Amino acid sequence: MSAIKFHQDLKVYQKSFKTAMIIFELSKSFSKEQQNSQIRDAKQENRRLGFSLL
């Protein structure tokens, strides 16, 4: 087993990044309305996450 020097070396990071890229590519085919809705939802979720960490 090799030493982990960077977060990119972690398997969980590599798999989650690959999954995020697949979702990103799929979302390109969505309508503008769907994309805007996803952006709005993501912003709201980020705010909720921030508040729950306080």
N, C-alpha and C. Protein backbone atom coordinates (compact mmCIF):
# COMPACT_ATOMS: atom_id res chain seq x y z
N MET A 1 0.85 -1.18 0.00
CA MET A 1 0.00 0.00 0.00
C MET A 1 0.89 1.24 0.00
N SER A 2 0.61 2.16 -0.92
CA SER A 2 1.42 3.37 -1.02
C SER A 2 0.84 4.47 -0.13
N ALA A 3 1.70 5.39 0.23
CA ALA A 3 1.29 6.49 1.10
C ALA A 3 0.41 7.47 0.32
N ILE A 4 -0.55 8.04 1.00
CA ILE A 4 -1.43 9.03 0.39
C ILE A 4 -0.85 10.41 0.65
N LYS A 5 -0.53 11.11 -0.43
CA LYS A 5 0.07 12.43 -0.31
C LYS A 5 -0.94 13.54 -0.60
N PHE A 6 -1.92 13.25 -1.43
CA PHE A 6 -2.90 14.25 -1.83
C PHE A 6 -4.29 13.64 -1.77
N HIS A 7 -5.30 14.50 -1.65
CA HIS A 7 -6.66 13.99 -1.59
C HIS A 7 -7.05 13.28 -2.88
N GLN A 8 -6.41 13.64 -3.99
CA GLN A 8 -6.71 12.99 -5.27
C GLN A 8 -6.27 11.53 -5.28
N ASP A 9 -5.42 11.14 -4.36
CA ASP A 9 -4.95 9.76 -4.28
C ASP A 9 -5.99 8.83 -3.64
N LEU A 10 -6.96 9.40 -2.95
CA LEU A 10 -7.97 8.59 -2.27
C LEU A 10 -8.95 7.99 -3.28
N LYS A 11 -9.25 6.71 -3.13
CA LYS A 11 -10.19 6.02 -4.03
C LYS A 11 -11.57 6.68 -3.97
N VAL A 12 -12.00 7.05 -2.76
CA VAL A 12 -13.31 7.67 -2.61
C VAL A 12 -13.38 8.98 -3.39
N TYR A 13 -12.29 9.75 -3.41
CA TYR A 13 -12.25 10.99 -4.18
C TYR A 13 -12.33 10.67 -5.67
N GLN A 14 -11.56 9.72 -6.13
CA GLN A 14 -11.53 9.36 -7.55
C GLN A 14 -12.90 8.90 -8.04
N LYS A 15 -13.55 8.06 -7.25
CA LYS A 15 -14.87 7.55 -7.64
C LYS A 15 -15.93 8.65 -7.61
N SER A 16 -15.89 9.49 -6.59
CA SER A 16 -16.89 10.56 -6.51
C SER A 16 -16.67 11.59 -7.62
N PHE A 17 -15.42 11.86 -7.96
CA PHE A 17 -15.14 12.81 -9.05
C PHE A 17 -15.63 12.24 -10.38
N LYS A 18 -15.38 10.96 -10.61
CA LYS A 18 -15.83 10.32 -11.85
C LYS A 18 -17.35 10.36 -11.94
N THR A 19 -18.03 10.07 -10.83
CA THR A 19 -19.49 10.12 -10.80
C THR A 19 -20.00 11.53 -11.05
N ALA A 20 -19.35 12.52 -10.46
CA ALA A 20 -19.75 13.92 -10.66
C ALA A 20 -19.61 14.31 -12.13
N MET A 21 -18.57 13.85 -12.79
CA MET A 21 -18.37 14.17 -14.21
C MET A 21 -19.44 13.50 -15.08
N ILE A 22 -19.84 12.29 -14.72
CA ILE A 22 -20.91 11.61 -15.47
C ILE A 22 -22.22 12.39 -15.33
N ILE A 23 -22.53 12.81 -14.11
CA ILE A 23 -23.74 13.60 -13.87
C ILE A 23 -23.67 14.92 -14.63
N PHE A 24 -22.52 15.55 -14.62
CA PHE A 24 -22.34 16.82 -15.34
C PHE A 24 -22.60 16.64 -16.83
N GLU A 25 -22.04 15.59 -17.41
CA GLU A 25 -22.25 15.35 -18.84
C GLU A 25 -23.71 15.08 -19.15
N LEU A 26 -24.37 14.31 -18.30
CA LEU A 26 -25.79 14.03 -18.51
C LEU A 26 -26.64 15.30 -18.39
N SER A 27 -26.27 16.17 -17.46
CA SER A 27 -27.07 17.37 -17.22
C SER A 27 -26.95 18.37 -18.37
N LYS A 28 -25.98 18.24 -19.23
CA LYS A 28 -25.84 19.14 -20.38
C LYS A 28 -27.02 18.99 -21.34
N SER A 29 -27.65 17.83 -21.34
CA SER A 29 -28.77 17.60 -22.24
C SER A 29 -30.09 18.10 -21.67
N PHE A 30 -30.10 18.58 -20.43
CA PHE A 30 -31.32 19.09 -19.81
C PHE A 30 -31.69 20.45 -20.41
N SER A 31 -32.96 20.78 -20.32
CA SER A 31 -33.41 22.10 -20.77
C SER A 31 -32.86 23.17 -19.82
N LYS A 32 -32.88 24.41 -20.27
CA LYS A 32 -32.39 25.52 -19.44
C LYS A 32 -33.20 25.62 -18.15
N GLU A 33 -34.50 25.37 -18.24
CA GLU A 33 -35.35 25.44 -17.05
C GLU A 33 -34.94 24.39 -16.03
N GLN A 34 -34.65 23.18 -16.49
CA GLN A 34 -34.21 22.12 -15.58
C GLN A 34 -32.85 22.45 -14.98
N GLN A 35 -31.94 23.00 -15.79
CA GLN A 35 -30.61 23.36 -15.29
C GLN A 35 -30.72 24.44 -14.22
N ASN A 36 -31.56 25.46 -14.47
CA ASN A 36 -31.73 26.54 -13.49
C ASN A 36 -32.33 26.01 -12.20
N SER A 37 -33.26 25.07 -12.32
CA SER A 37 -33.87 24.47 -11.14
C SER A 37 -32.83 23.71 -10.33
N GLN A 38 -31.96 22.98 -11.00
CA GLN A 38 -30.91 22.24 -10.30
C GLN A 38 -29.94 23.18 -9.60
N ILE A 39 -29.60 24.27 -10.26
CA ILE A 39 -28.68 25.25 -9.66
C ILE A 39 -29.31 25.84 -8.40
N ARG A 40 -30.59 26.21 -8.50
CA ARG A 40 -31.31 26.78 -7.36
C ARG A 40 -31.35 25.78 -6.20
N ASP A 41 -31.66 24.53 -6.52
CA ASP A 41 -31.71 23.50 -5.48
C ASP A 41 -30.35 23.29 -4.82
N ALA A 42 -29.29 23.28 -5.63
CA ALA A 42 -27.95 23.08 -5.09
C ALA A 42 -27.55 24.24 -4.17
N LYS A 43 -27.90 25.46 -4.54
CA LYS A 43 -27.59 26.62 -3.70
C LYS A 43 -28.33 26.53 -2.36
N GLN A 44 -29.60 26.14 -2.42
CA GLN A 44 -30.37 26.01 -1.19
C GLN A 44 -29.79 24.92 -0.29
N GLU A 45 -29.39 23.82 -0.89
CA GLU A 45 -28.82 22.72 -0.11
C GLU A 45 -27.49 23.13 0.52
N ASN A 46 -26.69 23.90 -0.20
CA ASN A 46 -25.42 24.38 0.36
C ASN A 46 -25.66 25.28 1.56
N ARG A 47 -26.69 26.13 1.49
CA ARG A 47 -27.01 26.99 2.63
C ARG A 47 -27.44 26.15 3.83
N ARG A 48 -28.28 25.15 3.58
CA ARG A 48 -28.75 24.27 4.68
C ARG A 48 -27.57 23.55 5.31
N LEU A 49 -26.67 23.07 4.49
CA LEU A 49 -25.50 22.36 5.01
C LEU A 49 -24.66 23.28 5.87
N GLY A 50 -24.45 24.51 5.41
CA GLY A 50 -23.68 25.49 6.18
C GLY A 50 -24.30 25.76 7.53
N PHE A 51 -25.61 25.92 7.56
CA PHE A 51 -26.30 26.18 8.83
C PHE A 51 -26.24 24.99 9.76
N SER A 52 -26.30 23.79 9.21
CA SER A 52 -26.27 22.61 10.08
C SER A 52 -24.88 22.36 10.66
N LEU A 53 -23.86 22.92 10.05
CA LEU A 53 -22.51 22.75 10.57
C LEU A 53 -22.19 23.75 11.69
N LEU A 54 -23.02 24.79 11.81
CA LEU A 54 -22.75 25.79 12.85
C LEU A 54 -23.04 25.28 14.23
